[in-house]
Protein backbone atom coordinates (compact mmCIF):
# COMPACT_ATOMS: atom_id res chain seq x y z
CA UNK A 1 0.00 0.00 0.00
CA UNK A 2 2.83 2.39 0.86
CA UNK A 3 4.44 1.66 -2.48
CA UNK A 4 1.24 2.70 -4.25
CA UNK A 5 1.08 5.99 -2.30
CA UNK A 6 4.76 6.70 -3.03
CA UNK A 7 4.16 6.00 -6.71
CA UNK A 8 1.15 8.29 -6.76
CA UNK A 9 3.09 11.00 -4.93
CA UNK A 10 6.00 10.69 -7.36
CA UNK A 11 3.62 10.91 -10.32
CA UNK A 12 1.90 13.98 -8.87
CA UNK A 13 5.25 15.65 -8.22
CA UNK A 14 6.42 15.05 -11.80
CA UNK A 15 3.14 16.37 -13.24
CA UNK A 16 3.49 19.55 -11.18
CA UNK A 17 7.11 19.92 -12.35
CA UNK A 18 6.13 19.56 -16.01
CA UNK A 19 3.38 22.16 -15.61
CA UNK A 20 5.75 24.56 -13.84
CA UNK A 21 8.40 24.20 -16.53
CA UNK A 22 5.99 24.64 -19.40
CA UNK A 23 5.63 28.38 -18.69
CA UNK A 24 2.59 30.55 -19.06
CA UNK A 25 0.26 30.58 -22.01
CA UNK A 26 -0.61 34.01 -23.33
CA UNK A 27 -3.86 34.79 -25.08
CA UNK A 28 -3.34 35.59 -28.74
CA UNK A 29 -5.24 38.51 -30.24
CA UNK A 30 -7.99 37.65 -32.66
CA UNK A 31 -7.00 37.50 -36.29
CA UNK A 32 -7.53 40.52 -38.46
CA UNK A 33 -10.84 40.45 -40.30
CA UNK A 34 -10.17 40.43 -44.06
CA UNK A 35 -6.84 42.15 -43.43
CA UNK A 36 -8.43 44.82 -41.22
CA UNK A 37 -6.63 44.95 -37.84
CA UNK A 38 -8.56 44.75 -34.58
CA UNK A 39 -9.74 48.18 -33.47
CA UNK A 40 -9.67 49.71 -36.97
CA UNK A 41 -12.09 50.80 -39.67
CA UNK A 42 -10.91 49.78 -43.13
CA UNK A 43 -11.80 50.75 -46.68
CA UNK A 44 -10.97 48.39 -49.54
CA UNK A 45 -10.25 49.08 -53.23
CA UNK A 46 -13.13 49.70 -55.59
CA UNK A 47 -15.00 46.51 -56.53
CA UNK A 48 -12.72 44.25 -54.44
CA UNK A 49 -15.23 41.58 -53.55
CA UNK A 50 -14.60 39.80 -51.29
CA UNK A 51 -12.62 42.28 -49.22
CA UNK A 52 -9.01 41.09 -48.94
CA UNK A 53 -6.50 43.92 -48.47
CA UNK A 54 -7.51 47.42 -47.33
CA UNK A 55 -6.21 50.61 -48.89
CA UNK A 56 -7.22 52.77 -45.89
CA UNK A 57 -6.92 51.83 -42.21
CA UNK A 58 -8.21 54.25 -39.55
CA UNK A 59 -7.71 53.85 -35.79
CA UNK A 60 -8.29 57.31 -34.30
CA UNK A 61 -11.75 58.52 -33.31
CA UNK A 62 -13.01 61.49 -35.28
CA UNK A 63 -13.34 62.38 -38.95
CA UNK A 64 -11.03 61.26 -41.71
CA UNK A 65 -11.40 62.90 -45.12
CA UNK A 66 -11.37 60.72 -48.22
CA UNK A 67 -9.97 61.64 -51.62
CA UNK A 68 -10.77 60.01 -54.98
CA UNK A 69 -12.91 57.20 -53.58
CA UNK A 70 -15.59 56.43 -56.16
CA UNK A 71 -17.70 53.39 -56.90
CA UNK A 72 -18.44 50.44 -54.64
CA UNK A 73 -16.10 49.67 -51.75
CA UNK A 74 -16.24 47.46 -48.69
CA UNK A 75 -16.05 49.42 -45.44
CA UNK A 76 -15.44 47.16 -42.43
CA UNK A 77 -15.80 48.36 -38.85
CA UNK A 78 -13.46 46.05 -36.93
CA UNK A 79 -13.65 48.16 -33.76
CA UNK A 80 -14.96 46.70 -30.52
CA UNK A 81 -16.76 47.77 -27.37
CA UNK A 82 -19.71 49.22 -29.26
CA UNK A 83 -17.69 51.75 -31.30
CA UNK A 84 -19.42 52.81 -34.51
CA UNK A 85 -18.41 54.41 -37.78
CA UNK A 86 -20.29 56.65 -40.22
CA UNK A 87 -19.91 57.44 -43.89
CA UNK A 88 -20.38 61.18 -44.38
CA UNK A 89 -21.13 63.25 -47.50
CA UNK A 90 -19.37 66.31 -46.13
CA UNK A 91 -15.72 66.73 -45.28
CA UNK A 92 -14.71 66.75 -41.63
CA UNK A 93 -17.42 64.28 -40.65
CA UNK A 94 -20.51 66.33 -41.56
CA UNK A 95 -23.67 65.03 -43.20
CA UNK A 96 -23.24 61.51 -41.85
CA UNK A 97 -25.46 58.55 -42.59
CA UNK A 98 -26.51 55.89 -40.12
CA UNK A 99 -23.93 54.23 -37.89
CA UNK A 100 -22.07 51.09 -38.93
CA UNK A 101 -21.97 48.94 -35.76
CA UNK A 102 -18.75 47.37 -34.51
CA UNK A 103 -18.03 44.03 -36.16
CA UNK A 104 -20.01 44.75 -39.31
CA UNK A 105 -19.32 45.99 -42.79
CA UNK A 106 -21.12 47.65 -45.67
CA UNK A 107 -20.61 47.49 -49.41
CA UNK A 108 -21.26 51.10 -50.35
CA UNK A 109 -20.93 53.52 -53.23
CA UNK A 110 -18.34 55.98 -51.94
CA UNK A 111 -18.82 58.46 -54.82
CA UNK A 112 -20.88 60.87 -52.66
CA UNK A 113 -18.84 60.10 -49.51
CA UNK A 114 -16.17 62.62 -48.52
CA UNK A 115 -15.25 61.42 -45.03
CA UNK A 116 -15.54 58.56 -42.58
CA UNK A 117 -16.09 59.22 -38.88
CA UNK A 118 -15.08 56.85 -36.07
CA UNK A 119 -17.10 57.14 -32.87
CA UNK A 120 -16.36 55.69 -29.42
C-alpha atoms as a PDB file:
ATOM      1  CA  UNK A   1       0.000   0.000   0.000  1.00  0.00           C
ATOM      2  CA  UNK A   2       2.833   2.393   0.862  1.00  0.00           C
ATOM      3  CA  UNK A   3       4.442   1.657  -2.476  1.00  0.00           C
ATOM      4  CA  UNK A   4       1.241   2.697  -4.248  1.00  0.00           C
ATOM      5  CA  UNK A   5       1.080   5.992  -2.300  1.00  0.00           C
ATOM      6  CA  UNK A   6       4.757   6.699  -3.030  1.00  0.00           C
ATOM      7  CA  UNK A   7       4.164   5.997  -6.713  1.00  0.00           C
ATOM      8  CA  UNK A   8       1.154   8.286  -6.762  1.00  0.00           C
ATOM      9  CA  UNK A   9       3.092  11.004  -4.925  1.00  0.00           C
ATOM     10  CA  UNK A  10       6.001  10.692  -7.363  1.00  0.00           C
ATOM     11  CA  UNK A  11       3.622  10.909 -10.323  1.00  0.00           C
ATOM     12  CA  UNK A  12       1.895  13.980  -8.866  1.00  0.00           C
ATOM     13  CA  UNK A  13       5.252  15.655  -8.223  1.00  0.00           C
ATOM     14  CA  UNK A  14       6.423  15.048 -11.804  1.00  0.00           C
ATOM     15  CA  UNK A  15       3.137  16.368 -13.238  1.00  0.00           C
ATOM     16  CA  UNK A  16       3.494  19.551 -11.175  1.00  0.00           C
ATOM     17  CA  UNK A  17       7.115  19.922 -12.349  1.00  0.00           C
ATOM     18  CA  UNK A  18       6.125  19.558 -16.009  1.00  0.00           C
ATOM     19  CA  UNK A  19       3.378  22.163 -15.606  1.00  0.00           C
ATOM     20  CA  UNK A  20       5.755  24.560 -13.835  1.00  0.00           C
ATOM     21  CA  UNK A  21       8.405  24.198 -16.533  1.00  0.00           C
ATOM     22  CA  UNK A  22       5.986  24.644 -19.403  1.00  0.00           C
ATOM     23  CA  UNK A  23       5.633  28.383 -18.691  1.00  0.00           C
ATOM     24  CA  UNK A  24       2.590  30.555 -19.059  1.00  0.00           C
ATOM     25  CA  UNK A  25       0.264  30.579 -22.010  1.00  0.00           C
ATOM     26  CA  UNK A  26      -0.607  34.012 -23.328  1.00  0.00           C
ATOM     27  CA  UNK A  27      -3.856  34.791 -25.080  1.00  0.00           C
ATOM     28  CA  UNK A  28      -3.335  35.586 -28.737  1.00  0.00           C
ATOM     29  CA  UNK A  29      -5.242  38.511 -30.237  1.00  0.00           C
ATOM     30  CA  UNK A  30      -7.988  37.652 -32.662  1.00  0.00           C
ATOM     31  CA  UNK A  31      -6.996  37.495 -36.291  1.00  0.00           C
ATOM     32  CA  UNK A  32      -7.531  40.525 -38.459  1.00  0.00           C
ATOM     33  CA  UNK A  33     -10.844  40.449 -40.305  1.00  0.00           C
ATOM     34  CA  UNK A  34     -10.168  40.428 -44.064  1.00  0.00           C
ATOM     35  CA  UNK A  35      -6.845  42.146 -43.428  1.00  0.00           C
ATOM     36  CA  UNK A  36      -8.429  44.821 -41.216  1.00  0.00           C
ATOM     37  CA  UNK A  37      -6.634  44.949 -37.840  1.00  0.00           C
ATOM     38  CA  UNK A  38      -8.563  44.750 -34.576  1.00  0.00           C
ATOM     39  CA  UNK A  39      -9.745  48.185 -33.474  1.00  0.00           C
ATOM     40  CA  UNK A  40      -9.671  49.709 -36.969  1.00  0.00           C
ATOM     41  CA  UNK A  41     -12.094  50.798 -39.665  1.00  0.00           C
ATOM     42  CA  UNK A  42     -10.912  49.782 -43.130  1.00  0.00           C
ATOM     43  CA  UNK A  43     -11.797  50.749 -46.680  1.00  0.00           C
ATOM     44  CA  UNK A  44     -10.971  48.394 -49.540  1.00  0.00           C
ATOM     45  CA  UNK A  45     -10.246  49.077 -53.229  1.00  0.00           C
ATOM     46  CA  UNK A  46     -13.128  49.703 -55.591  1.00  0.00           C
ATOM     47  CA  UNK A  47     -15.002  46.509 -56.532  1.00  0.00           C
ATOM     48  CA  UNK A  48     -12.722  44.254 -54.441  1.00  0.00           C
ATOM     49  CA  UNK A  49     -15.230  41.583 -53.551  1.00  0.00           C
ATOM     50  CA  UNK A  50     -14.603  39.797 -51.292  1.00  0.00           C
ATOM     51  CA  UNK A  51     -12.624  42.277 -49.218  1.00  0.00           C
ATOM     52  CA  UNK A  52      -9.011  41.091 -48.940  1.00  0.00           C
ATOM     53  CA  UNK A  53      -6.501  43.922 -48.471  1.00  0.00           C
ATOM     54  CA  UNK A  54      -7.515  47.418 -47.325  1.00  0.00           C
ATOM     55  CA  UNK A  55      -6.215  50.609 -48.885  1.00  0.00           C
ATOM     56  CA  UNK A  56      -7.220  52.774 -45.890  1.00  0.00           C
ATOM     57  CA  UNK A  57      -6.923  51.829 -42.210  1.00  0.00           C
ATOM     58  CA  UNK A  58      -8.210  54.253 -39.554  1.00  0.00           C
ATOM     59  CA  UNK A  59      -7.706  53.852 -35.792  1.00  0.00           C
ATOM     60  CA  UNK A  60      -8.293  57.312 -34.305  1.00  0.00           C
ATOM     61  CA  UNK A  61     -11.750  58.517 -33.313  1.00  0.00           C
ATOM     62  CA  UNK A  62     -13.009  61.487 -35.278  1.00  0.00           C
ATOM     63  CA  UNK A  63     -13.344  62.382 -38.946  1.00  0.00           C
ATOM     64  CA  UNK A  64     -11.027  61.257 -41.711  1.00  0.00           C
ATOM     65  CA  UNK A  65     -11.400  62.904 -45.117  1.00  0.00           C
ATOM     66  CA  UNK A  66     -11.366  60.720 -48.220  1.00  0.00           C
ATOM     67  CA  UNK A  67      -9.965  61.644 -51.619  1.00  0.00           C
ATOM     68  CA  UNK A  68     -10.766  60.009 -54.985  1.00  0.00           C
ATOM     69  CA  UNK A  69     -12.910  57.199 -53.582  1.00  0.00           C
ATOM     70  CA  UNK A  70     -15.589  56.429 -56.156  1.00  0.00           C
ATOM     71  CA  UNK A  71     -17.703  53.392 -56.903  1.00  0.00           C
ATOM     72  CA  UNK A  72     -18.437  50.439 -54.643  1.00  0.00           C
ATOM     73  CA  UNK A  73     -16.105  49.667 -51.748  1.00  0.00           C
ATOM     74  CA  UNK A  74     -16.241  47.460 -48.686  1.00  0.00           C
ATOM     75  CA  UNK A  75     -16.047  49.419 -45.437  1.00  0.00           C
ATOM     76  CA  UNK A  76     -15.438  47.164 -42.425  1.00  0.00           C
ATOM     77  CA  UNK A  77     -15.799  48.365 -38.847  1.00  0.00           C
ATOM     78  CA  UNK A  78     -13.464  46.051 -36.928  1.00  0.00           C
ATOM     79  CA  UNK A  79     -13.652  48.161 -33.764  1.00  0.00           C
ATOM     80  CA  UNK A  80     -14.958  46.696 -30.515  1.00  0.00           C
ATOM     81  CA  UNK A  81     -16.763  47.773 -27.366  1.00  0.00           C
ATOM     82  CA  UNK A  82     -19.712  49.221 -29.264  1.00  0.00           C
ATOM     83  CA  UNK A  83     -17.688  51.747 -31.296  1.00  0.00           C
ATOM     84  CA  UNK A  84     -19.418  52.810 -34.513  1.00  0.00           C
ATOM     85  CA  UNK A  85     -18.410  54.414 -37.785  1.00  0.00           C
ATOM     86  CA  UNK A  86     -20.293  56.649 -40.216  1.00  0.00           C
ATOM     87  CA  UNK A  87     -19.915  57.436 -43.885  1.00  0.00           C
ATOM     88  CA  UNK A  88     -20.376  61.181 -44.379  1.00  0.00           C
ATOM     89  CA  UNK A  89     -21.134  63.245 -47.499  1.00  0.00           C
ATOM     90  CA  UNK A  90     -19.368  66.310 -46.132  1.00  0.00           C
ATOM     91  CA  UNK A  91     -15.723  66.734 -45.278  1.00  0.00           C
ATOM     92  CA  UNK A  92     -14.712  66.754 -41.628  1.00  0.00           C
ATOM     93  CA  UNK A  93     -17.423  64.282 -40.647  1.00  0.00           C
ATOM     94  CA  UNK A  94     -20.507  66.334 -41.558  1.00  0.00           C
ATOM     95  CA  UNK A  95     -23.671  65.029 -43.199  1.00  0.00           C
ATOM     96  CA  UNK A  96     -23.238  61.513 -41.854  1.00  0.00           C
ATOM     97  CA  UNK A  97     -25.465  58.552 -42.591  1.00  0.00           C
ATOM     98  CA  UNK A  98     -26.514  55.889 -40.116  1.00  0.00           C
ATOM     99  CA  UNK A  99     -23.933  54.228 -37.893  1.00  0.00           C
ATOM    100  CA  UNK A 100     -22.067  51.094 -38.930  1.00  0.00           C
ATOM    101  CA  UNK A 101     -21.969  48.945 -35.763  1.00  0.00           C
ATOM    102  CA  UNK A 102     -18.747  47.369 -34.515  1.00  0.00           C
ATOM    103  CA  UNK A 103     -18.025  44.034 -36.156  1.00  0.00           C
ATOM    104  CA  UNK A 104     -20.015  44.749 -39.314  1.00  0.00           C
ATOM    105  CA  UNK A 105     -19.318  45.992 -42.791  1.00  0.00           C
ATOM    106  CA  UNK A 106     -21.117  47.649 -45.669  1.00  0.00           C
ATOM    107  CA  UNK A 107     -20.610  47.488 -49.414  1.00  0.00           C
ATOM    108  CA  UNK A 108     -21.262  51.099 -50.348  1.00  0.00           C
ATOM    109  CA  UNK A 109     -20.927  53.519 -53.233  1.00  0.00           C
ATOM    110  CA  UNK A 110     -18.340  55.982 -51.943  1.00  0.00           C
ATOM    111  CA  UNK A 111     -18.822  58.455 -54.819  1.00  0.00           C
ATOM    112  CA  UNK A 112     -20.884  60.867 -52.665  1.00  0.00           C
ATOM    113  CA  UNK A 113     -18.842  60.104 -49.509  1.00  0.00           C
ATOM    114  CA  UNK A 114     -16.168  62.619 -48.521  1.00  0.00           C
ATOM    115  CA  UNK A 115     -15.247  61.418 -45.035  1.00  0.00           C
ATOM    116  CA  UNK A 116     -15.539  58.560 -42.576  1.00  0.00           C
ATOM    117  CA  UNK A 117     -16.087  59.220 -38.880  1.00  0.00           C
ATOM    118  CA  UNK A 118     -15.083  56.850 -36.068  1.00  0.00           C
ATOM    119  CA  UNK A 119     -17.103  57.136 -32.867  1.00  0.00           C
ATOM    120  CA  UNK A 120     -16.362  55.686 -29.418  1.00  0.00           C
END
